[in-house]
Amino acid sequence: MSALDRRKWEWENATAGAIAGFATVAAMHPLDVVLNDGRLTNLPTYKNTAHAIFTITRLEGLRGLYAGFYPAVLGSTVSWGLYFFFYGRAKQRYSKNGTQKLSPGLHLASAAEAGALVSLCTNPIWVIKTRLQLETPLHQTRPYSGLYDALRTILKEEGWSALYRGIAPSLFLQVSHGAVQFMVYEELRKFVVEFKCKESNKNLGSDAKLLDSVDYAVLGASSKLAAILMTYPFQVIRARLQQRPNRDGIPRYMDSWHVVKETARFEGFRGFYKGITPSILKNLPAASITFVVYENVLNLLRLKRRND
């Protein structure tokens, strides 16, 4: 592969990832609001996911289900675009520009590297998204009026460092979660391709010809489930760290270790998996959408490049 083709391939990955990120948020954002709803101290406890959606809609209207939508779209589009860009570059480097097959360990390393870089680039977006989602009419301080107001208020009241609150668990989450998900995805993909080749008793060509949207959906959901089960506590710690401070400006949690101690003390082990059911309900179909859109857009971009 020439240097020009490599650059085109990298940007194709980024473009397909960005489109996939946008499509995923547009389809799944209401469940994301329920998942990250940390308002149980102010509102009646939700009985289940359906009750949560109904209660938020009744109290706040449909807008409540799309709280934080703009930063979510921005964050997901940028994150997935960057993730696939960095992941593709790492795989190219580790495979010596595609001349060597990657082991599970190198897939793990590629995804971990991409996760760390994306986390450093996008943490401020996720802080703002989390803050906007946790806003309610009963909030103790003046609610944010939107994305720009949230950014301006955070900088004014808390400084630049507030945009990187939760960066430690975010790094752990992005690195470990992405590494597990993409390693499982790549290994399952390899298994399915080999199985289809053996079943037909011949090599049918590229993966694009062997796999269809159903395959991508199942692979995406399966790899996501493995990642959620292994890394969910990091997501709980990050979300709690990124909550808006009280009226007096003092955060509820001082650092990651404080979150761990308080959660273990008052909620036990189950506290670290609080909300995992809506997380699975939201993230498995979301992962399916992400990989179906990504793989199909990438195949279209590759076809266009070959035709050119």
Protein backbone atom coordinates (compact mmCIF):
# COMPACT_ATOMS: atom_id res chain seq x y z
CA MET A 1 0.00 0.00 0.00
CA SER A 2 1.43 3.35 -1.06
CA ALA A 3 1.70 6.33 1.31
CA LEU A 4 -1.19 8.03 -0.52
CA ASP A 5 -3.40 4.94 -0.24
CA ARG A 6 -2.55 4.65 3.48
CA ARG A 7 -3.61 8.25 4.08
CA LYS A 8 -6.86 7.70 2.18
CA TRP A 9 -7.46 4.48 4.14
CA GLU A 10 -6.92 6.27 7.46
CA TRP A 11 -9.38 9.06 6.58
CA GLU A 12 -11.90 6.54 5.31
CA ASN A 13 -11.76 4.90 8.75
CA ALA A 14 -12.26 8.27 10.45
CA THR A 15 -15.16 9.25 8.17
CA ALA A 16 -16.94 5.92 8.57
CA GLY A 17 -16.42 6.06 12.34
CA ALA A 18 -17.80 9.60 12.59
CA ILE A 19 -20.93 8.71 10.59
CA ALA A 20 -21.42 5.59 12.71
CA GLY A 21 -21.10 7.65 15.90
CA PHE A 22 -23.71 10.16 14.72
CA ALA A 23 -26.16 7.43 13.68
CA THR A 24 -25.79 5.63 17.01
CA VAL A 25 -26.54 8.70 19.14
CA ALA A 26 -29.47 9.75 16.98
CA ALA A 27 -31.05 6.31 17.48
CA MET A 28 -30.18 5.55 21.10
CA HIS A 29 -29.93 8.83 23.03
CA PRO A 30 -33.11 8.46 25.18
CA LEU A 31 -31.77 5.25 26.76
CA ASP A 32 -28.46 7.00 27.37
CA VAL A 33 -30.30 9.67 29.37
CA VAL A 34 -31.94 7.00 31.52
CA LEU A 35 -28.65 5.17 32.00
CA ASN A 36 -26.81 8.27 33.19
CA ASP A 37 -29.71 9.64 35.23
CA GLY A 38 -28.10 10.40 38.57
CA ARG A 39 -31.13 12.28 39.89
CA LEU A 40 -32.48 9.65 42.26
CA THR A 41 -31.87 11.85 45.32
CA ASN A 42 -34.33 14.44 43.98
CA LEU A 43 -36.88 12.38 42.02
CA PRO A 44 -38.91 9.26 42.86
CA THR A 45 -36.96 6.04 42.41
CA TYR A 46 -37.60 4.49 39.03
CA LYS A 47 -39.00 0.95 39.08
CA ASN A 48 -37.47 -0.03 35.76
CA THR A 49 -36.25 1.40 32.46
CA ALA A 50 -39.75 1.82 31.00
CA HIS A 51 -40.91 3.61 34.16
CA ALA A 52 -37.86 5.89 34.00
CA ILE A 53 -38.61 6.87 30.41
CA PHE A 54 -42.29 7.48 31.24
CA THR A 55 -41.45 9.55 34.35
CA ILE A 56 -38.88 11.75 32.60
CA THR A 57 -41.29 12.33 29.69
CA ARG A 58 -44.16 13.22 32.05
CA LEU A 59 -42.08 15.63 34.16
CA GLU A 60 -39.93 17.20 31.46
CA GLY A 61 -41.51 16.30 28.12
CA LEU A 62 -39.71 14.73 25.17
CA ARG A 63 -36.93 17.29 25.61
CA GLY A 64 -36.02 15.51 28.86
CA LEU A 65 -35.21 12.34 26.93
CA TYR A 66 -32.88 14.33 24.69
CA ALA A 67 -31.11 16.25 27.45
CA GLY A 68 -27.49 16.72 26.46
CA PHE A 69 -28.19 15.62 22.88
CA TYR A 70 -25.92 18.16 21.16
CA PRO A 71 -22.78 17.37 23.20
CA ALA A 72 -23.66 13.67 22.88
CA VAL A 73 -23.78 13.93 19.09
CA LEU A 74 -20.61 16.01 19.03
CA GLY A 75 -18.85 13.68 21.47
CA SER A 76 -19.88 10.47 19.73
CA THR A 77 -19.13 11.74 16.22
CA VAL A 78 -15.70 13.07 17.21
CA SER A 79 -14.89 10.10 19.46
CA TRP A 80 -15.73 7.36 16.97
CA GLY A 81 -14.06 9.26 14.13
CA LEU A 82 -10.87 9.67 16.15
CA TYR A 83 -11.08 6.15 17.57
CA PHE A 84 -11.22 4.40 14.22
CA PHE A 85 -8.56 6.76 12.87
CA PHE A 86 -6.12 6.05 15.71
CA TYR A 87 -7.03 2.35 15.80
CA GLY A 88 -6.45 1.97 12.07
CA ARG A 89 -3.08 3.72 12.29
CA ALA A 90 -2.00 1.57 15.23
CA LYS A 91 -2.99 -1.62 13.38
CA GLN A 92 -1.09 -0.48 10.31
CA ARG A 93 2.02 0.19 12.41
CA TYR A 94 1.88 -3.09 14.31
CA SER A 95 1.20 -5.10 11.15
CA LYS A 96 4.13 -3.47 9.31
CA ASN A 97 1.75 -1.72 6.87
CA GLY A 98 -0.46 -4.76 6.50
CA THR A 99 2.28 -7.29 5.73
CA GLN A 100 1.77 -9.26 8.98
CA LYS A 101 -1.31 -10.65 10.67
CA LEU A 102 -2.11 -9.20 14.08
CA SER A 103 -2.31 -11.38 17.17
CA PRO A 104 -5.05 -10.86 19.82
CA GLY A 105 -2.44 -9.07 21.94
CA LEU A 106 -1.65 -6.58 19.18
CA HIS A 107 -5.36 -5.95 18.55
CA LEU A 108 -5.62 -5.29 22.29
CA ALA A 109 -2.65 -2.90 22.18
CA SER A 110 -4.02 -1.05 19.12
CA ALA A 111 -7.41 -0.51 20.74
CA ALA A 112 -5.86 0.53 24.06
CA GLU A 113 -3.68 3.10 22.32
CA ALA A 114 -6.66 4.51 20.43
CA GLY A 115 -8.76 4.62 23.61
CA ALA A 116 -6.14 6.59 25.54
CA LEU A 117 -5.72 9.20 22.78
CA VAL A 118 -9.49 9.62 22.33
CA SER A 119 -10.05 9.98 26.08
CA LEU A 120 -7.51 12.80 26.32
CA CYS A 121 -9.06 14.58 23.33
CA THR A 122 -12.74 14.29 24.25
CA ASN A 123 -13.02 14.29 28.07
CA PRO A 124 -14.30 17.94 28.18
CA ILE A 125 -17.18 17.02 25.84
CA TRP A 126 -18.25 14.12 28.06
CA VAL A 127 -18.05 16.26 31.21
CA ILE A 128 -20.47 18.77 29.65
CA LYS A 129 -22.73 15.97 28.37
CA THR A 130 -22.91 14.37 31.81
CA ARG A 131 -23.63 17.71 33.51
CA LEU A 132 -26.45 18.51 31.07
CA GLN A 133 -28.00 15.07 31.53
CA LEU A 134 -27.98 15.42 35.32
CA GLU A 135 -29.80 18.75 35.25
CA THR A 136 -33.38 18.76 36.59
CA PRO A 137 -35.96 21.43 37.49
CA LEU A 138 -35.10 20.62 41.12
CA HIS A 139 -31.35 21.20 40.74
CA GLN A 140 -29.87 23.16 43.65
CA THR A 141 -28.10 25.70 41.44
CA ARG A 142 -29.03 27.61 38.27
CA PRO A 143 -29.54 25.08 35.47
CA TYR A 144 -27.36 25.32 32.37
CA SER A 145 -29.25 26.83 29.45
CA GLY A 146 -27.31 24.86 26.85
CA LEU A 147 -23.96 23.61 25.62
CA TYR A 148 -22.22 26.98 25.48
CA ASP A 149 -23.64 28.12 28.83
CA ALA A 150 -22.49 24.88 30.46
CA LEU A 151 -18.95 25.37 29.11
CA ARG A 152 -18.85 29.03 30.15
CA THR A 153 -20.24 28.34 33.64
CA ILE A 154 -17.87 25.45 34.29
CA LEU A 155 -14.86 27.56 33.28
CA LYS A 156 -16.05 30.53 35.35
CA GLU A 157 -17.00 28.62 38.51
CA GLU A 158 -14.52 25.74 38.48
CA GLY A 159 -11.73 26.49 36.00
CA TRP A 160 -10.19 24.48 33.18
CA SER A 161 -9.36 21.55 35.45
CA ALA A 162 -13.09 20.79 35.85
CA LEU A 163 -13.23 19.79 32.17
CA TYR A 164 -10.85 16.97 33.00
CA ARG A 165 -12.66 15.74 36.10
CA GLY A 166 -12.89 11.98 35.91
CA ILE A 167 -9.97 11.72 33.48
CA ALA A 168 -8.38 8.85 35.44
CA PRO A 169 -11.42 6.55 35.33
CA SER A 170 -12.09 7.78 31.78
CA LEU A 171 -8.65 6.60 30.73
CA PHE A 172 -9.16 3.27 32.46
CA LEU A 173 -12.63 2.99 30.90
CA GLN A 174 -11.63 3.97 27.36
CA VAL A 175 -8.45 1.90 27.36
CA SER A 176 -9.84 -1.25 28.99
CA HIS A 177 -13.32 -1.13 27.47
CA GLY A 178 -12.16 -0.39 23.93
CA ALA A 179 -9.32 -2.89 24.16
CA VAL A 180 -11.63 -5.71 25.26
CA GLN A 181 -14.37 -4.79 22.78
CA PHE A 182 -12.13 -4.53 19.72
CA MET A 183 -10.04 -7.58 20.56
CA VAL A 184 -13.21 -9.68 20.94
CA TYR A 185 -14.67 -8.12 17.77
CA GLU A 186 -11.57 -8.83 15.69
CA GLU A 187 -11.18 -12.40 16.98
CA LEU A 188 -14.88 -13.23 16.53
CA ARG A 189 -14.76 -11.66 13.06
CA LYS A 190 -11.76 -13.81 12.17
CA PHE A 191 -13.59 -16.91 13.44
CA VAL A 192 -16.75 -16.15 11.42
CA VAL A 193 -14.74 -15.49 8.23
CA GLU A 194 -12.82 -18.78 8.63
CA PHE A 195 -16.05 -20.66 9.37
CA LYS A 196 -17.76 -19.30 6.24
CA CYS A 197 -14.72 -20.16 4.11
CA LYS A 198 -14.67 -23.74 5.43
CA GLU A 199 -18.43 -24.08 5.01
CA SER A 200 -18.22 -23.14 1.34
CA ASN A 201 -14.98 -25.11 0.83
CA LYS A 202 -13.30 -22.15 -0.84
CA ASN A 203 -11.92 -18.68 -0.24
CA LEU A 204 -14.71 -16.25 -1.11
CA GLY A 205 -12.42 -13.23 -1.16
CA SER A 206 -12.41 -10.20 1.10
CA ASP A 207 -14.26 -9.91 4.41
CA ALA A 208 -16.65 -7.44 2.78
CA LYS A 209 -17.92 -10.21 0.49
CA LEU A 210 -18.11 -12.77 3.28
CA LEU A 211 -19.86 -10.73 5.98
CA ASP A 212 -23.19 -8.94 5.86
CA SER A 213 -25.00 -6.46 8.13
CA VAL A 214 -26.43 -9.25 10.33
CA ASP A 215 -22.90 -10.53 10.96
CA TYR A 216 -21.68 -7.04 11.85
CA ALA A 217 -24.64 -6.52 14.20
CA VAL A 218 -24.03 -9.79 16.06
CA LEU A 219 -20.27 -9.20 16.24
CA GLY A 220 -20.77 -5.66 17.53
CA ALA A 221 -23.29 -6.68 20.21
CA SER A 222 -21.25 -9.69 21.37
CA SER A 223 -18.02 -7.75 21.71
CA LYS A 224 -19.84 -4.93 23.52
CA LEU A 225 -21.38 -7.31 26.05
CA ALA A 226 -17.96 -8.70 26.93
CA ALA A 227 -16.55 -5.18 27.37
CA ILE A 228 -19.47 -3.98 29.53
CA LEU A 229 -19.29 -6.92 31.93
CA MET A 230 -15.55 -6.41 32.43
CA THR A 231 -15.33 -2.60 32.69
CA TYR A 232 -18.69 -1.24 33.91
CA PRO A 233 -17.44 -0.06 37.36
CA PHE A 234 -15.16 2.49 35.65
CA GLN A 235 -18.21 4.02 33.97
CA VAL A 236 -20.02 4.38 37.31
CA ILE A 237 -16.96 6.02 38.91
CA ARG A 238 -16.50 8.43 35.99
CA ALA A 239 -20.17 9.51 35.91
CA ARG A 240 -20.21 10.19 39.65
CA LEU A 241 -16.99 12.19 39.52
CA GLN A 242 -18.32 14.37 36.72
CA GLN A 243 -21.48 15.45 38.56
CA ARG A 244 -21.94 19.17 39.08
CA PRO A 245 -20.81 20.50 42.53
CA ASN A 246 -23.39 21.56 45.13
CA ARG A 247 -24.47 25.18 45.65
CA ASP A 248 -21.41 25.81 47.84
CA GLY A 249 -19.12 24.69 45.04
CA ILE A 250 -17.90 21.56 46.84
CA PRO A 251 -18.02 18.40 44.69
CA ARG A 252 -19.80 15.41 46.18
CA TYR A 253 -16.78 13.25 45.37
CA MET A 254 -13.21 14.50 45.61
CA ASP A 255 -11.44 11.88 43.51
CA SER A 256 -11.79 8.35 42.13
CA TRP A 257 -10.75 6.69 45.38
CA HIS A 258 -13.37 8.72 47.26
CA VAL A 259 -16.04 7.44 44.83
CA VAL A 260 -14.87 3.86 45.37
CA LYS A 261 -14.94 4.16 49.18
CA GLU A 262 -18.33 5.89 49.36
CA THR A 263 -19.94 3.54 46.85
CA ALA A 264 -18.58 0.44 48.62
CA ARG A 265 -19.61 1.80 52.01
CA PHE A 266 -23.20 2.76 51.22
CA GLU A 267 -24.09 0.50 48.29
CA GLY A 268 -21.71 -2.43 48.41
CA PHE A 269 -20.42 -4.33 45.39
CA ARG A 270 -23.77 -3.92 43.61
CA GLY A 271 -23.28 -0.15 43.60
CA PHE A 272 -20.50 -0.50 41.03
CA TYR A 273 -22.95 -2.19 38.66
CA LYS A 274 -25.86 0.18 39.28
CA GLY A 275 -27.68 0.80 36.01
CA ILE A 276 -26.04 -2.09 34.15
CA THR A 277 -29.40 -3.38 32.85
CA PRO A 278 -30.28 -0.20 30.93
CA SER A 279 -26.60 -0.03 29.94
CA ILE A 280 -26.83 -3.43 28.29
CA LEU A 281 -30.25 -2.62 26.78
CA LYS A 282 -28.83 0.59 25.30
CA ASN A 283 -25.27 -0.40 24.40
CA LEU A 284 -25.83 -3.75 22.71
CA PRO A 285 -28.13 -2.36 20.00
CA ALA A 286 -25.98 0.79 19.92
CA ALA A 287 -22.86 -1.30 19.24
CA SER A 288 -24.73 -3.19 16.53
CA ILE A 289 -25.74 0.10 14.87
CA THR A 290 -22.20 1.48 15.17
CA PHE A 291 -20.52 -1.48 13.50
CA VAL A 292 -23.22 -2.02 10.85
CA VAL A 293 -22.98 1.64 9.81
CA TYR A 294 -19.18 1.76 10.10
CA GLU A 295 -18.51 -1.40 8.08
CA ASN A 296 -21.03 -0.55 5.35
CA VAL A 297 -19.86 3.07 5.00
CA LEU A 298 -16.24 1.88 4.95
CA ASN A 299 -17.05 -0.65 2.22
CA LEU A 300 -18.73 2.09 0.15
CA LEU A 301 -15.74 4.42 0.56
CA ARG A 302 -13.34 1.64 -0.44
CA LEU A 303 -15.45 0.82 -3.49
CA LYS A 304 -15.48 4.49 -4.50
CA ARG A 305 -11.67 4.71 -4.10
CA ARG A 306 -11.17 1.62 -6.28
CA ASN A 307 -13.52 2.97 -8.95
CA ASP A 308 -11.64 6.28 -8.95
